[in-house]
Amino acid sequence: MNALTVGARAIALDKDGFLVELSDWSADVASALAAAEDIELTPEHWEVLELLRNFYAEFQLSPATRPLIKYAALKLGPEKGNSLHLNRLFKGTPAKLAAKLAGLPKPTNCL
């Protein structure tokens, strides 16, 4: 099992780098996960991460790409709820990478 060190804490990660315990997530953990992916989180990233966490709270699952895009369009508007915007923010794998940074489980249909 892998671990991510955040401050004095060792956060357990699964083989794909997702949190083992969803309760370990915090803004600092998200920033550390993003740094490991060579991403500096901007307000646009945080907006999507918060959106994902709200989606998970409502539906108890991490959305695949299409539902993520539809949900983002519904909640953030069409200029942010589109594949170009999300792919630019999350290196072409928005559902998988955004779920990881939001501290959520890997979407079930992501490789």
PDB file of N, CA and C in Angstrom:
ATOM      1  N   MET A   1       0.843  -1.185   0.000  1.00  0.00           N
ATOM      2  CA  MET A   1       0.000   0.000   0.000  1.00  0.00           C
ATOM      3  C   MET A   1       0.884   1.243   0.000  1.00  0.00           C
ATOM      4  N   ASN A   2       0.483   2.208  -0.767  1.00  0.00           N
ATOM      5  CA  ASN A   2       1.210   3.472  -0.861  1.00  0.00           C
ATOM      6  C   ASN A   2       0.743   4.426   0.222  1.00  0.00           C
ATOM      7  N   ALA A   3       1.523   5.463   0.424  1.00  0.00           N
ATOM      8  CA  ALA A   3       1.129   6.489   1.389  1.00  0.00           C
ATOM      9  C   ALA A   3       1.553   7.856   0.879  1.00  0.00           C
ATOM     10  N   LEU A   4       0.792   8.836   1.263  1.00  0.00           N
ATOM     11  CA  LEU A   4       1.064  10.227   0.936  1.00  0.00           C
ATOM     12  C   LEU A   4       1.321  10.939   2.259  1.00  0.00           C
ATOM     13  N   THR A   5       2.438  11.636   2.356  1.00  0.00           N
ATOM     14  CA  THR A   5       2.741  12.348   3.593  1.00  0.00           C
ATOM     15  C   THR A   5       2.250  13.780   3.475  1.00  0.00           C
ATOM     16  N   VAL A   6       1.394  14.153   4.419  1.00  0.00           N
ATOM     17  CA  VAL A   6       0.849  15.509   4.465  1.00  0.00           C
ATOM     18  C   VAL A   6       1.084  16.016   5.879  1.00  0.00           C
ATOM     19  N   GLY A   7       2.006  16.970   6.009  1.00  0.00           N
ATOM     20  CA  GLY A   7       2.400  17.418   7.339  1.00  0.00           C
ATOM     21  C   GLY A   7       3.038  16.252   8.073  1.00  0.00           C
ATOM     22  N   ALA A   8       2.513  15.918   9.233  1.00  0.00           N
ATOM     23  CA  ALA A   8       3.048  14.806  10.015  1.00  0.00           C
ATOM     24  C   ALA A   8       2.258  13.519   9.794  1.00  0.00           C
ATOM     25  N   ARG A   9       1.245  13.567   8.918  1.00  0.00           N
ATOM     26  CA  ARG A   9       0.375  12.408   8.704  1.00  0.00           C
ATOM     27  C   ARG A   9       0.785  11.613   7.475  1.00  0.00           C
ATOM     28  N   ALA A  10       0.656  10.305   7.572  1.00  0.00           N
ATOM     29  CA  ALA A  10       0.813   9.415   6.416  1.00  0.00           C
ATOM     30  C   ALA A  10      -0.598   8.986   6.008  1.00  0.00           C
ATOM     31  N   ILE A  11      -1.004   9.362   4.809  1.00  0.00           N
ATOM     32  CA  ILE A  11      -2.341   9.076   4.302  1.00  0.00           C
ATOM     33  C   ILE A  11      -2.256   7.841   3.402  1.00  0.00           C
ATOM     34  N   ALA A  12      -3.020   6.803   3.726  1.00  0.00           N
ATOM     35  CA  ALA A  12      -2.990   5.556   2.947  1.00  0.00           C
ATOM     36  C   ALA A  12      -3.652   5.748   1.589  1.00  0.00           C
ATOM     37  N   LEU A  13      -2.961   5.247   0.549  1.00  0.00           N
ATOM     38  CA  LEU A  13      -3.476   5.288  -0.817  1.00  0.00           C
ATOM     39  C   LEU A  13      -3.564   3.865  -1.353  1.00  0.00           C
ATOM     40  N   ASP A  14      -4.511   3.651  -2.263  1.00  0.00           N
ATOM     41  CA  ASP A  14      -4.595   2.336  -2.902  1.00  0.00           C
ATOM     42  C   ASP A  14      -3.579   2.253  -4.041  1.00  0.00           C
ATOM     43  N   LYS A  15      -3.590   1.148  -4.777  1.00  0.00           N
ATOM     44  CA  LYS A  15      -2.585   0.936  -5.830  1.00  0.00           C
ATOM     45  C   LYS A  15      -2.681   1.965  -6.952  1.00  0.00           C
ATOM     46  N   ASP A  16      -3.852   2.621  -7.112  1.00  0.00           N
ATOM     47  CA  ASP A  16      -4.034   3.636  -8.152  1.00  0.00           C
ATOM     48  C   ASP A  16      -3.844   5.058  -7.624  1.00  0.00           C
ATOM     49  N   GLY A  17      -3.481   5.184  -6.340  1.00  0.00           N
ATOM     50  CA  GLY A  17      -3.245   6.507  -5.764  1.00  0.00           C
ATOM     51  C   GLY A  17      -4.475   7.190  -5.202  1.00  0.00           C
ATOM     52  N   PHE A  18      -5.575   6.450  -5.059  1.00  0.00           N
ATOM     53  CA  PHE A  18      -6.791   7.006  -4.473  1.00  0.00           C
ATOM     54  C   PHE A  18      -6.759   6.785  -2.967  1.00  0.00           C
ATOM     55  N   LEU A  19      -7.424   7.665  -2.221  1.00  0.00           N
ATOM     56  CA  LEU A  19      -7.472   7.530  -0.765  1.00  0.00           C
ATOM     57  C   LEU A  19      -8.138   6.217  -0.375  1.00  0.00           C
ATOM     58  N   VAL A  20      -7.566   5.528   0.604  1.00  0.00           N
ATOM     59  CA  VAL A  20      -8.180   4.318   1.140  1.00  0.00           C
ATOM     60  C   VAL A  20      -9.359   4.719   2.023  1.00  0.00           C
ATOM     61  N   GLU A  21      -9.172   5.745   2.828  1.00  0.00           N
ATOM     62  CA  GLU A  21     -10.219   6.254   3.728  1.00  0.00           C
ATOM     63  C   GLU A  21     -10.663   7.622   3.236  1.00  0.00           C
ATOM     64  N   LEU A  22     -11.913   7.721   2.793  1.00  0.00           N
ATOM     65  CA  LEU A  22     -12.416   8.994   2.263  1.00  0.00           C
ATOM     66  C   LEU A  22     -12.360  10.095   3.319  1.00  0.00           C
ATOM     67  N   SER A  23     -12.434   9.720   4.586  1.00  0.00           N
ATOM     68  CA  SER A  23     -12.410  10.710   5.665  1.00  0.00           C
ATOM     69  C   SER A  23     -11.034  11.363   5.832  1.00  0.00           C
ATOM     70  N   ASP A  24      -9.997  10.818   5.176  1.00  0.00           N
ATOM     71  CA  ASP A  24      -8.664  11.426   5.244  1.00  0.00           C
ATOM     72  C   ASP A  24      -8.550  12.679   4.377  1.00  0.00           C
ATOM     73  N   TRP A  25      -9.544  12.944   3.538  1.00  0.00           N
ATOM     74  CA  TRP A  25      -9.446  14.057   2.600  1.00  0.00           C
ATOM     75  C   TRP A  25      -9.503  15.402   3.314  1.00  0.00           C
ATOM     76  N   SER A  26      -8.709  16.340   2.821  1.00  0.00           N
ATOM     77  CA  SER A  26      -8.750  17.735   3.258  1.00  0.00           C
ATOM     78  C   SER A  26      -8.189  18.558   2.105  1.00  0.00           C
ATOM     79  N   ALA A  27      -8.247  19.860   2.219  1.00  0.00           N
ATOM     80  CA  ALA A  27      -7.671  20.726   1.183  1.00  0.00           C
ATOM     81  C   ALA A  27      -6.171  20.468   1.052  1.00  0.00           C
ATOM     82  N   ASP A  28      -5.494  20.246   2.179  1.00  0.00           N
ATOM     83  CA  ASP A  28      -4.047  19.965   2.134  1.00  0.00           C
ATOM     84  C   ASP A  28      -3.765  18.646   1.419  1.00  0.00           C
ATOM     85  N   VAL A  29      -4.597  17.643   1.673  1.00  0.00           N
ATOM     86  CA  VAL A  29      -4.436  16.349   1.001  1.00  0.00           C
ATOM     87  C   VAL A  29      -4.671  16.519  -0.496  1.00  0.00           C
ATOM     88  N   ALA A  30      -5.707  17.268  -0.869  1.00  0.00           N
ATOM     89  CA  ALA A  30      -5.981  17.518  -2.291  1.00  0.00           C
ATOM     90  C   ALA A  30      -4.790  18.202  -2.950  1.00  0.00           C
ATOM     91  N   SER A  31      -4.219  19.183  -2.276  1.00  0.00           N
ATOM     92  CA  SER A  31      -3.064  19.894  -2.826  1.00  0.00           C
ATOM     93  C   SER A  31      -1.862  18.970  -2.989  1.00  0.00           C
ATOM     94  N   ALA A  32      -1.648  18.081  -2.019  1.00  0.00           N
ATOM     95  CA  ALA A  32      -0.532  17.139  -2.106  1.00  0.00           C
ATOM     96  C   ALA A  32      -0.755  16.121  -3.226  1.00  0.00           C
ATOM     97  N   LEU A  33      -1.985  15.635  -3.363  1.00  0.00           N
ATOM     98  CA  LEU A  33      -2.300  14.716  -4.464  1.00  0.00           C
ATOM     99  C   LEU A  33      -2.092  15.408  -5.813  1.00  0.00           C
ATOM    100  N   ALA A  34      -2.520  16.661  -5.897  1.00  0.00           N
ATOM    101  CA  ALA A  34      -2.365  17.424  -7.142  1.00  0.00           C
ATOM    102  C   ALA A  34      -0.887  17.638  -7.460  1.00  0.00           C
ATOM    103  N   ALA A  35      -0.095  17.971  -6.444  1.00  0.00           N
ATOM    104  CA  ALA A  35       1.340  18.180  -6.657  1.00  0.00           C
ATOM    105  C   ALA A  35       1.996  16.916  -7.199  1.00  0.00           C
ATOM    106  N   ALA A  36       1.550  15.757  -6.727  1.00  0.00           N
ATOM    107  CA  ALA A  36       2.091  14.482  -7.221  1.00  0.00           C
ATOM    108  C   ALA A  36       1.742  14.265  -8.694  1.00  0.00           C
ATOM    109  N   GLU A  37       0.702  14.946  -9.167  1.00  0.00           N
ATOM    110  CA  GLU A  37       0.280  14.856 -10.574  1.00  0.00           C
ATOM    111  C   GLU A  37       0.785  16.046 -11.394  1.00  0.00           C
ATOM    112  N   ASP A  38       1.645  16.873 -10.803  1.00  0.00           N
ATOM    113  CA  ASP A  38       2.148  18.094 -11.446  1.00  0.00           C
ATOM    114  C   ASP A  38       1.039  19.082 -11.791  1.00  0.00           C
ATOM    115  N   ILE A  39       0.105  19.222 -10.877  1.00  0.00           N
ATOM    116  CA  ILE A  39      -0.996  20.175 -11.049  1.00  0.00           C
ATOM    117  C   ILE A  39      -0.978  21.137  -9.875  1.00  0.00           C
ATOM    118  N   GLU A  40      -1.074  22.416 -10.179  1.00  0.00           N
ATOM    119  CA  GLU A  40      -1.259  23.417  -9.130  1.00  0.00           C
ATOM    120  C   GLU A  40      -2.728  23.792  -9.146  1.00  0.00           C
ATOM    121  N   LEU A  41      -3.399  23.543  -8.045  1.00  0.00           N
ATOM    122  CA  LEU A  41      -4.840  23.757  -7.998  1.00  0.00           C
ATOM    123  C   LEU A  41      -5.187  25.238  -8.039  1.00  0.00           C
ATOM    124  N   THR A  42      -6.037  25.587  -8.997  1.00  0.00           N
ATOM    125  CA  THR A  42      -6.533  26.949  -9.171  1.00  0.00           C
ATOM    126  C   THR A  42      -7.974  27.009  -8.650  1.00  0.00           C
ATOM    127  N   PRO A  43      -8.550  28.196  -8.550  1.00  0.00           N
ATOM    128  CA  PRO A  43      -9.970  28.269  -8.164  1.00  0.00           C
ATOM    129  C   PRO A  43     -10.879  27.442  -9.077  1.00  0.00           C
ATOM    130  N   GLU A  44     -10.525  27.324 -10.363  1.00  0.00           N
ATOM    131  CA  GLU A  44     -11.329  26.497 -11.281  1.00  0.00           C
ATOM    132  C   GLU A  44     -11.255  25.018 -10.888  1.00  0.00           C
ATOM    133  N   HIS A  45     -10.076  24.551 -10.492  1.00  0.00           N
ATOM    134  CA  HIS A  45      -9.947  23.168 -10.024  1.00  0.00           C
ATOM    135  C   HIS A  45     -10.802  22.949  -8.765  1.00  0.00           C
ATOM    136  N   TRP A  46     -10.673  23.863  -7.805  1.00  0.00           N
ATOM    137  CA  TRP A  46     -11.400  23.723  -6.542  1.00  0.00           C
ATOM    138  C   TRP A  46     -12.903  23.696  -6.790  1.00  0.00           C
ATOM    139  N   GLU A  47     -13.369  24.480  -7.756  1.00  0.00           N
ATOM    140  CA  GLU A  47     -14.795  24.511  -8.086  1.00  0.00           C
ATOM    141  C   GLU A  47     -15.265  23.120  -8.532  1.00  0.00           C
ATOM    142  N   VAL A  48     -14.479  22.455  -9.362  1.00  0.00           N
ATOM    143  CA  VAL A  48     -14.826  21.118  -9.842  1.00  0.00           C
ATOM    144  C   VAL A  48     -14.703  20.091  -8.714  1.00  0.00           C
ATOM    145  N   LEU A  49     -13.669  20.211  -7.879  1.00  0.00           N
ATOM    146  CA  LEU A  49     -13.512  19.271  -6.765  1.00  0.00           C
ATOM    147  C   LEU A  49     -14.697  19.369  -5.805  1.00  0.00           C
ATOM    148  N   GLU A  50     -15.129  20.586  -5.514  1.00  0.00           N
ATOM    149  CA  GLU A  50     -16.289  20.772  -4.640  1.00  0.00           C
ATOM    150  C   GLU A  50     -17.545  20.205  -5.297  1.00  0.00           C
ATOM    151  N   LEU A  51     -17.679  20.434  -6.583  1.00  0.00           N
ATOM    152  CA  LEU A  51     -18.808  19.894  -7.339  1.00  0.00           C
ATOM    153  C   LEU A  51     -18.826  18.361  -7.247  1.00  0.00           C
ATOM    154  N   LEU A  52     -17.665  17.738  -7.418  1.00  0.00           N
ATOM    155  CA  LEU A  52     -17.568  16.283  -7.341  1.00  0.00           C
ATOM    156  C   LEU A  52     -17.926  15.767  -5.952  1.00  0.00           C
ATOM    157  N   ARG A  53     -17.441  16.449  -4.942  1.00  0.00           N
ATOM    158  CA  ARG A  53     -17.744  16.018  -3.572  1.00  0.00           C
ATOM    159  C   ARG A  53     -19.243  16.139  -3.298  1.00  0.00           C
ATOM    160  N   ASN A  54     -19.884  17.172  -3.839  1.00  0.00           N
ATOM    161  CA  ASN A  54     -21.338  17.318  -3.693  1.00  0.00           C
ATOM    162  C   ASN A  54     -22.070  16.204  -4.443  1.00  0.00           C
ATOM    163  N   PHE A  55     -21.579  15.867  -5.648  1.00  0.00           N
ATOM    164  CA  PHE A  55     -22.165  14.776  -6.428  1.00  0.00           C
ATOM    165  C   PHE A  55     -22.084  13.478  -5.628  1.00  0.00           C
ATOM    166  N   TYR A  56     -20.917  13.222  -5.047  1.00  0.00           N
ATOM    167  CA  TYR A  56     -20.722  11.996  -4.267  1.00  0.00           C
ATOM    168  C   TYR A  56     -21.654  11.976  -3.049  1.00  0.00           C
ATOM    169  N   ALA A  57     -21.792  13.108  -2.389  1.00  0.00           N
ATOM    170  CA  ALA A  57     -22.672  13.182  -1.221  1.00  0.00           C
ATOM    171  C   ALA A  57     -24.121  12.899  -1.616  1.00  0.00           C
ATOM    172  N   GLU A  58     -24.507  13.329  -2.810  1.00  0.00           N
ATOM    173  CA  GLU A  58     -25.884  13.136  -3.261  1.00  0.00           C
ATOM    174  C   GLU A  58     -26.142  11.718  -3.778  1.00  0.00           C
ATOM    175  N   PHE A  59     -25.190  11.161  -4.531  1.00  0.00           N
ATOM    176  CA  PHE A  59     -25.423   9.890  -5.226  1.00  0.00           C
ATOM    177  C   PHE A  59     -24.578   8.715  -4.719  1.00  0.00           C
ATOM    178  N   GLN A  60     -23.644   8.942  -3.802  1.00  0.00           N
ATOM    179  CA  GLN A  60     -22.759   7.920  -3.245  1.00  0.00           C
ATOM    180  C   GLN A  60     -21.938   7.192  -4.310  1.00  0.00           C
ATOM    181  N   LEU A  61     -21.556   7.900  -5.355  1.00  0.00           N
ATOM    182  CA  LEU A  61     -20.648   7.344  -6.354  1.00  0.00           C
ATOM    183  C   LEU A  61     -19.907   8.471  -7.045  1.00  0.00           C
ATOM    184  N   SER A  62     -18.763   8.110  -7.615  1.00  0.00           N
ATOM    185  CA  SER A  62     -17.964   9.057  -8.396  1.00  0.00           C
ATOM    186  C   SER A  62     -18.436   8.978  -9.837  1.00  0.00           C
ATOM    187  N   PRO A  63     -18.773  10.111 -10.447  1.00  0.00           N
ATOM    188  CA  PRO A  63     -19.310  10.061 -11.805  1.00  0.00           C
ATOM    189  C   PRO A  63     -18.245   9.737 -12.846  1.00  0.00           C
ATOM    190  N   ALA A  64     -18.665   9.013 -13.868  1.00  0.00           N
ATOM    191  CA  ALA A  64     -17.826   8.827 -15.054  1.00  0.00           C
ATOM    192  C   ALA A  64     -17.823  10.146 -15.823  1.00  0.00           C
ATOM    193  N   THR A  65     -17.099  10.205 -16.911  1.00  0.00           N
ATOM    194  CA  THR A  65     -16.917  11.468 -17.626  1.00  0.00           C
ATOM    195  C   THR A  65     -18.232  12.093 -18.096  1.00  0.00           C
ATOM    196  N   ARG A  66     -19.078  11.344 -18.760  1.00  0.00           N
ATOM    197  CA  ARG A  66     -20.314  11.936 -19.293  1.00  0.00           C
ATOM    198  C   ARG A  66     -21.216  12.492 -18.198  1.00  0.00           C
ATOM    199  N   PRO A  67     -21.499  11.722 -17.139  1.00  0.00           N
ATOM    200  CA  PRO A  67     -22.315  12.302 -16.064  1.00  0.00           C
ATOM    201  C   PRO A  67     -21.630  13.505 -15.395  1.00  0.00           C
ATOM    202  N   LEU A  68     -20.303  13.469 -15.292  1.00  0.00           N
ATOM    203  CA  LEU A  68     -19.575  14.603 -14.717  1.00  0.00           C
ATOM    204  C   LEU A  68     -19.797  15.850 -15.566  1.00  0.00           C
ATOM    205  N   ILE A  69     -19.668  15.711 -16.872  1.00  0.00           N
ATOM    206  CA  ILE A  69     -19.856  16.858 -17.772  1.00  0.00           C
ATOM    207  C   ILE A  69     -21.281  17.381 -17.659  1.00  0.00           C
ATOM    208  N   LYS A  70     -22.261  16.491 -17.656  1.00  0.00           N
ATOM    209  CA  LYS A  70     -23.663  16.917 -17.556  1.00  0.00           C
ATOM    210  C   LYS A  70     -23.932  17.616 -16.224  1.00  0.00           C
ATOM    211  N   TYR A  71     -23.399  17.062 -15.146  1.00  0.00           N
ATOM    212  CA  TYR A  71     -23.605  17.641 -13.820  1.00  0.00           C
ATOM    213  C   TYR A  71     -22.914  19.002 -13.727  1.00  0.00           C
ATOM    214  N   ALA A  72     -21.710  19.103 -14.264  1.00  0.00           N
ATOM    215  CA  ALA A  72     -20.990  20.382 -14.262  1.00  0.00           C
ATOM    216  C   ALA A  72     -21.745  21.424 -15.074  1.00  0.00           C
ATOM    217  N   ALA A  73     -22.289  21.039 -16.215  1.00  0.00           N
ATOM    218  CA  ALA A  73     -23.066  21.976 -17.040  1.00  0.00           C
ATOM    219  C   ALA A  73     -24.306  22.449 -16.284  1.00  0.00           C
ATOM    220  N   LEU A  74     -24.946  21.518 -15.584  1.00  0.00           N
ATOM    221  CA  LEU A  74     -26.152  21.849 -14.825  1.00  0.00           C
ATOM    222  C   LEU A  74     -25.838  22.815 -13.684  1.00  0.00           C
ATOM    223  N   LYS A  75     -24.748  22.548 -12.954  1.00  0.00           N
ATOM    224  CA  LYS A  75     -24.430  23.330 -11.756  1.00  0.00           C
ATOM    225  C   LYS A  75     -23.562  24.562 -12.020  1.00  0.00           C
ATOM    226  N   LEU A  76     -22.667  24.479 -13.034  1.00  0.00           N
ATOM    227  CA  LEU A  76     -21.706  25.563 -13.266  1.00  0.00           C
ATOM    228  C   LEU A  76     -21.955  26.317 -14.569  1.00  0.00           C
ATOM    229  N   GLY A  77     -22.845  25.793 -15.400  1.00  0.00           N
ATOM    230  CA  GLY A  77     -23.126  26.422 -16.682  1.00  0.00           C
ATOM    231  C   GLY A  77     -22.355  25.760 -17.815  1.00  0.00           C
ATOM    232  N   PRO A  78     -22.818  25.958 -19.049  1.00  0.00           N
ATOM    233  CA  PRO A  78     -22.222  25.269 -20.202  1.00  0.00           C
ATOM    234  C   PRO A  78     -20.775  25.667 -20.499  1.00  0.00           C
ATOM    235  N   GLU A  79     -20.358  26.871 -20.080  1.00  0.00           N
ATOM    236  CA  GLU A  79     -18.976  27.271 -20.352  1.00  0.00           C
ATOM    237  C   GLU A  79     -17.972  26.493 -19.505  1.00  0.00           C
ATOM    238  N   LYS A  80     -18.428  25.944 -18.378  1.00  0.00           N
ATOM    239  CA  LYS A  80     -17.544  25.133 -17.530  1.00  0.00           C
ATOM    240  C   LYS A  80     -17.915  23.656 -17.562  1.00  0.00           C
ATOM    241  N   GLY A  81     -19.122  23.368 -17.966  1.00  0.00           N
ATOM    242  CA  GLY A  81     -19.586  21.985 -18.029  1.00  0.00           C
ATOM    243  C   GLY A  81     -19.426  21.419 -19.422  1.00  0.00           C
ATOM    244  N   ASN A  82     -18.188  21.374 -19.873  1.00  0.00           N
ATOM    245  CA  ASN A  82     -17.924  20.787 -21.191  1.00  0.00           C
ATOM    246  C   ASN A  82     -16.592  20.055 -21.141  1.00  0.00           C
ATOM    247  N   SER A  83     -16.418  19.127 -22.059  1.00  0.00           N
ATOM    248  CA  SER A  83     -15.239  18.269 -22.018  1.00  0.00           C
ATOM    249  C   SER A  83     -13.944  19.041 -22.239  1.00  0.00           C
ATOM    250  N   LEU A  84     -13.953  20.081 -23.076  1.00  0.00           N
ATOM    251  CA  LEU A  84     -12.721  20.842 -23.304  1.00  0.00           C
ATOM    252  C   LEU A  84     -12.216  21.477 -22.013  1.00  0.00           C
ATOM    253  N   HIS A  85     -13.104  22.121 -21.288  1.00  0.00           N
ATOM    254  CA  HIS A  85     -12.727  22.781 -20.029  1.00  0.00           C
ATOM    255  C   HIS A  85     -12.213  21.756 -19.014  1.00  0.00           C
ATOM    256  N   LEU A  86     -12.961  20.678 -18.829  1.00  0.00           N
ATOM    257  CA  LEU A  86     -12.579  19.677 -17.825  1.00  0.00           C
ATOM    258  C   LEU A  86     -11.313  18.928 -18.224  1.00  0.00           C
ATOM    259  N   ASN A  87     -11.160  18.620 -19.506  1.00  0.00           N
ATOM    260  CA  ASN A  87      -9.932  17.955 -19.968  1.00  0.00           C
ATOM    261  C   ASN A  87      -8.707  18.847 -19.775  1.00  0.00           C
ATOM    262  N   ARG A  88      -8.870  20.147 -19.991  1.00  0.00           N
ATOM    263  CA  ARG A  88      -7.765  21.087 -19.811  1.00  0.00           C
ATOM    264  C   ARG A  88      -7.345  21.134 -18.338  1.00  0.00           C
ATOM    265  N   LEU A  89      -8.303  21.143 -17.451  1.00  0.00           N
ATOM    266  CA  LEU A  89      -7.993  21.205 -16.022  1.00  0.00           C
ATOM    267  C   LEU A  89      -7.368  19.911 -15.498  1.00  0.00           C
ATOM    268  N   PHE A  90      -7.843  18.777 -16.018  1.00  0.00           N
ATOM    269  CA  PHE A  90      -7.456  17.487 -15.440  1.00  0.00           C
ATOM    270  C   PHE A  90      -6.783  16.568 -16.452  1.00  0.00           C
ATOM    271  N   LYS A  91      -5.904  17.133 -17.255  1.00  0.00           N
ATOM    272  CA  LYS A  91      -4.990  16.376 -18.132  1.00  0.00           C
ATOM    273  C   LYS A  91      -5.657  15.307 -18.989  1.00  0.00           C
ATOM    274  N   GLY A  92      -6.849  15.588 -19.487  1.00  0.00           N
ATOM    275  CA  GLY A  92      -7.506  14.651 -20.385  1.00  0.00           C
ATOM    276  C   GLY A  92      -8.187  13.478 -19.721  1.00  0.00           C
ATOM    277  N   THR A  93      -8.143  13.394 -18.398  1.00  0.00           N
ATOM    278  CA  THR A  93      -8.851  12.320 -17.677  1.00  0.00           C
ATOM    279  C   THR A  93      -9.649  12.929 -16.522  1.00  0.00           C
ATOM    280  N   PRO A  94     -10.626  13.779 -16.847  1.00  0.00           N
ATOM    281  CA  PRO A  94     -11.291  14.542 -15.780  1.00  0.00           C
ATOM    282  C   PRO A  94     -12.004  13.686 -14.741  1.00  0.00           C
ATOM    283  N   ALA A  95     -12.716  12.654 -15.146  1.00  0.00           N
ATOM    284  CA  ALA A  95     -13.467  11.878 -14.149  1.00  0.00           C
ATOM    285  C   ALA A  95     -12.522  11.186 -13.174  1.00  0.00           C
ATOM    286  N   LYS A  96     -11.502  10.534 -13.694  1.00  0.00           N
ATOM    287  CA  LYS A  96     -10.578   9.771 -12.845  1.00  0.00           C
ATOM    288  C   LYS A  96      -9.705  10.695 -11.995  1.00  0.00           C
ATOM    289  N   LEU A  97      -9.048  11.652 -12.617  1.00  0.00           N
ATOM    290  CA  LEU A  97      -8.117  12.504 -11.884  1.00  0.00           C
ATOM    291  C   LEU A  97      -8.842  13.435 -10.918  1.00  0.00           C
ATOM    292  N   ALA A  98      -9.952  14.005 -11.335  1.00  0.00           N
ATOM    293  CA  ALA A  98     -10.694  14.897 -10.433  1.00  0.00           C
ATOM    294  C   ALA A  98     -11.238  14.120  -9.237  1.00  0.00           C
ATOM    295  N   ALA A  99     -11.708  12.893  -9.462  1.00  0.00           N
ATOM    296  CA  ALA A  99     -12.190  12.079  -8.336  1.00  0.00           C
ATOM    297  C   ALA A  99     -11.045  11.805  -7.358  1.00  0.00           C
ATOM    298  N   LYS A 100      -9.864  11.504  -7.896  1.00  0.00           N
ATOM    299  CA  LYS A 100      -8.702  11.244  -7.029  1.00  0.00           C
ATOM    300  C   LYS A 100      -8.393  12.474  -6.182  1.00  0.00           C
ATOM    301  N   LEU A 101      -8.345  13.644  -6.821  1.00  0.00           N
ATOM    302  CA  LEU A 101      -7.992  14.859  -6.092  1.00  0.00           C
ATOM    303  C   LEU A 101      -9.094  15.277  -5.113  1.00  0.00           C
ATOM    304  N   ALA A 102     -10.332  14.894  -5.409  1.00  0.00           N
ATOM    305  CA  ALA A 102     -11.453  15.212  -4.519  1.00  0.00           C
ATOM    306  C   ALA A 102     -11.573  14.211  -3.377  1.00  0.00           C
ATOM    307  N   GLY A 103     -10.668  13.212  -3.364  1.00  0.00           N
ATOM    308  CA  GLY A 103     -10.681  12.235  -2.286  1.00  0.00           C
ATOM    309  C   GLY A 103     -11.760  11.190  -2.405  1.00  0.00           C
ATOM    310  N   LEU A 104     -12.259  10.977  -3.622  1.00  0.00           N
ATOM    311  CA  LEU A 104     -13.351  10.045  -3.868  1.00  0.00           C
ATOM    312  C   LEU A 104     -12.843   8.746  -4.467  1.00  0.00           C
ATOM    313  N   PRO A 105     -13.663   7.691  -4.448  1.00  0.00           N
ATOM    314  CA  PRO A 105     -13.253   6.440  -5.089  1.00  0.00           C
ATOM    315  C   PRO A 105     -13.129   6.618  -6.599  1.00  0.00           C
ATOM    316  N   LYS A 106     -12.340   5.753  -7.205  1.00  0.00           N
ATOM    317  CA  LYS A 106     -12.198   5.773  -8.660  1.00  0.00           C
ATOM    318  C   LYS A 106     -13.558   5.454  -9.286  1.00  0.00           C
ATOM    319  N   PRO A 107     -13.981   6.240 -10.297  1.00  0.00           N
ATOM    320  CA  PRO A 107     -15.229   5.908 -10.977  1.00  0.00           C
ATOM    321  C   PRO A 107     -15.166   4.465 -11.504  1.00  0.00           C
ATOM    322  N   THR A 108     -16.256   3.742 -11.397  1.00  0.00           N
ATOM    323  CA  THR A 108     -16.247   2.305 -11.664  1.00  0.00           C
ATOM    324  C   THR A 108     -15.865   1.945 -13.089  1.00  0.00           C
ATOM    325  N   ASN A 109     -16.161   2.792 -14.066  1.00  0.00           N
ATOM    326  CA  ASN A 109     -15.836   2.414 -15.451  1.00  0.00           C
ATOM    327  C   ASN A 109     -14.565   3.065 -15.967  1.00  0.00           C
ATOM    328  N   CYS A 110     -13.736   3.595 -15.083  1.00  0.00           N
ATOM    329  CA  CYS A 110     -12.461   4.177 -15.499  1.00  0.00           C
ATOM    330  C   CYS A 110     -11.369   3.125 -15.397  1.00  0.00           C
ATOM    331  N   LEU A 111     -10.507   3.095 -16.406  1.00  0.00           N
ATOM    332  CA  LEU A 111      -9.403   2.139 -16.412  1.00  0.00           C
ATOM    333  C   LEU A 111      -8.292   2.589 -15.499  1.00  0.00           C
TER     334      LEU A 111
END
